[in-house]
Each structure stands twice: as C-alpha cells, then as structure tokens.
Amino acid sequence: MKPQRCKRSPNRSDSSIGALYNYFPDKESVAATLRQQSVEDLQSRVKSLMVVSNKLPAVRFAEAFIDCIIDFVQDRPAWLNVVAAPISFHRAQSARRALESPNWRRSNPLADGNAR
C-alpha cells in the first residue's frame, strides 16, 4: 500500500495544510475521521437498501447490494487506502492535549460526536 502524503489532501479541497491542522492535531486524526465518515456513509447506504430488501427477489437484492458497494467505492476512491491505513490510536501527549482542549472542540465541526 502506498502511504498517502498529507500534502496532497488539502490541494484537492483548495485548503492549506495549516488549515487542516486547525481541525486535526495530527495525520492519524485525519485518517481516523475519514475512516469513520466512510464507515457511516457505507452503513447509511446499506441501511437504505435493507429497508426495501424484503420487497425484492433474492437475485435483485444481490444485484442492488453489489451496485451499492460499487457506487460507494466510486464515490470514495481512496476508501480502501483509508481502511487499510495503519492508524495509530495511541496519541502523543501533545496531540491528546489538543484533542481535549475546549478551544479545539469549539472550533472543530467534527468534534460534536455526531460526525465521528
């Protein structure tokens, strides 16, 4: 697996690395958030399919499930890299302090607990 360089990600969103680190204390936090958002997106897509699953014949359900996964991977082409990335859940003390800071929590829209 080729490691993702942090310099590439902000360029895709017209942001700077400095702006990225206003919201995340380190690279692992960025990857963990991307991983969690991807999981939640996939769960939402599969739940939507499950709502109608009892109305579909088995073959049609299987086709719809495969289409759901293909659409997800096409919408999130870096998903496999994010899922396979070795994310350290052990934080340096400075990163832990930053994550626990009330200022960081107020300034980070992803820190509300709903987007994780």
Protein backbone atom coordinates (compact mmCIF):
# COMPACT_ATOMS: atom_id res chain seq x y z
CA MET A 1 0.00 0.00 0.00
CA LYS A 2 1.31 3.41 -0.92
CA PRO A 3 1.13 5.83 2.01
CA GLN A 4 -0.96 8.95 1.49
CA ARG A 5 1.07 12.10 1.74
CA CYS A 6 -0.60 14.78 3.74
CA LYS A 7 0.48 17.47 1.27
CA ARG A 8 -1.83 16.03 -1.41
CA SER A 9 -5.11 16.06 0.55
CA PRO A 10 -5.54 19.80 1.16
CA ASN A 11 -4.82 20.54 -2.51
CA ARG A 12 -7.88 18.56 -3.51
CA SER A 13 -10.10 20.78 -1.38
CA ASP A 14 -8.36 24.11 -2.06
CA SER A 15 -7.13 24.22 1.54
CA SER A 16 -3.73 24.53 3.13
CA ILE A 17 -2.04 22.11 5.48
CA GLY A 18 -2.18 24.79 8.17
CA ALA A 19 -5.96 25.00 7.81
CA LEU A 20 -6.22 21.21 8.02
CA TYR A 21 -4.33 21.20 11.31
CA ASN A 22 -6.67 23.81 12.77
CA TYR A 23 -9.19 20.96 12.90
CA PHE A 24 -6.92 17.96 13.49
CA PRO A 25 -3.88 17.67 15.72
CA ASP A 26 -2.11 15.06 13.56
CA LYS A 27 -2.26 12.90 10.43
CA GLU A 28 -3.70 9.94 12.33
CA SER A 29 -6.66 12.06 13.44
CA VAL A 30 -7.38 13.00 9.82
CA ALA A 31 -7.23 9.34 8.75
CA ALA A 32 -9.37 8.17 11.67
CA THR A 33 -12.03 10.78 10.88
CA LEU A 34 -12.04 9.85 7.19
CA ARG A 35 -12.31 6.18 8.12
CA GLN A 36 -15.24 6.83 10.48
CA GLN A 37 -17.07 9.01 7.96
CA SER A 38 -16.63 6.33 5.30
CA VAL A 39 -17.98 3.63 7.59
CA GLU A 40 -21.00 5.77 8.47
CA ASP A 41 -21.65 6.53 4.79
CA LEU A 42 -21.49 2.84 3.85
CA GLN A 43 -23.76 1.89 6.76
CA SER A 44 -26.28 4.51 5.67
CA ARG A 45 -26.29 3.22 2.10
CA VAL A 46 -26.74 -0.38 3.19
CA LYS A 47 -29.50 0.57 5.66
CA SER A 48 -31.38 2.31 2.85
CA LEU A 49 -31.14 -0.85 0.79
CA MET A 50 -32.24 -3.03 3.70
CA VAL A 51 -35.45 -1.01 4.05
CA VAL A 52 -36.63 -2.29 0.67
CA SER A 53 -34.87 -5.68 0.80
CA ASN A 54 -37.94 -7.69 1.80
CA LYS A 55 -39.74 -6.45 -1.32
CA LEU A 56 -37.01 -7.65 -3.68
CA PRO A 57 -36.35 -11.11 -5.06
CA ALA A 58 -33.02 -12.53 -3.82
CA VAL A 59 -31.26 -12.04 -7.16
CA ARG A 60 -32.41 -8.42 -7.44
CA PHE A 61 -31.34 -7.76 -3.84
CA ALA A 62 -27.88 -9.22 -4.55
CA GLU A 63 -27.55 -7.04 -7.65
CA ALA A 64 -28.67 -3.96 -5.71
CA PHE A 65 -26.23 -4.74 -2.88
CA ILE A 66 -23.32 -5.10 -5.30
CA ASP A 67 -24.36 -1.86 -7.05
CA CYS A 68 -24.48 -0.15 -3.65
CA ILE A 69 -20.91 -1.22 -2.86
CA ILE A 70 -19.66 -0.26 -6.32
CA ASP A 71 -21.29 3.18 -6.07
CA PHE A 72 -19.74 3.67 -2.64
CA VAL A 73 -16.24 2.79 -3.84
CA GLN A 74 -16.63 5.01 -6.91
CA ASP A 75 -17.79 7.92 -4.73
CA ARG A 76 -14.89 7.35 -2.30
CA PRO A 77 -11.96 6.09 -4.40
CA ALA A 78 -9.48 6.45 -1.50
CA TRP A 79 -11.66 4.38 0.84
CA LEU A 80 -9.63 1.18 0.51
CA ASN A 81 -6.43 3.08 1.28
CA VAL A 82 -8.03 4.74 4.31
CA VAL A 83 -9.39 1.44 5.65
CA ALA A 84 -6.07 -0.32 5.14
CA ALA A 85 -4.00 2.56 6.55
CA PRO A 86 -2.16 1.75 9.73
CA ILE A 87 -3.77 4.26 12.07
CA SER A 88 -2.20 4.57 15.47
CA PHE A 89 -4.77 5.02 18.17
CA HIS A 90 -2.02 5.90 20.62
CA ARG A 91 -1.61 9.66 20.64
CA ALA A 92 1.37 11.67 21.71
CA GLN A 93 0.67 13.64 24.85
CA SER A 94 0.62 16.93 22.89
CA ALA A 95 -1.97 15.54 20.47
CA ARG A 96 -4.12 14.27 23.35
CA ARG A 97 -3.99 17.69 24.97
CA ALA A 98 -5.03 19.32 21.70
CA LEU A 99 -7.98 16.94 21.30
CA GLU A 100 -9.10 17.54 24.88
CA SER A 101 -8.84 21.31 24.57
CA PRO A 102 -12.19 23.17 24.80
CA ASN A 103 -10.94 25.59 22.14
CA TRP A 104 -10.30 22.75 19.69
CA ARG A 105 -13.72 21.23 20.37
CA ARG A 106 -15.48 24.56 19.77
CA SER A 107 -13.57 25.23 16.54
CA ASN A 108 -13.93 21.73 15.09
CA PRO A 109 -17.30 20.97 13.48
CA LEU A 110 -16.49 17.25 13.57
CA ALA A 111 -15.97 17.20 17.34
CA ASP A 112 -19.67 17.27 18.22
CA GLY A 113 -19.84 13.48 18.39
CA ASN A 114 -22.38 13.16 15.58
CA ALA A 115 -19.90 13.23 12.72
CA ARG A 116 -17.45 10.70 14.17
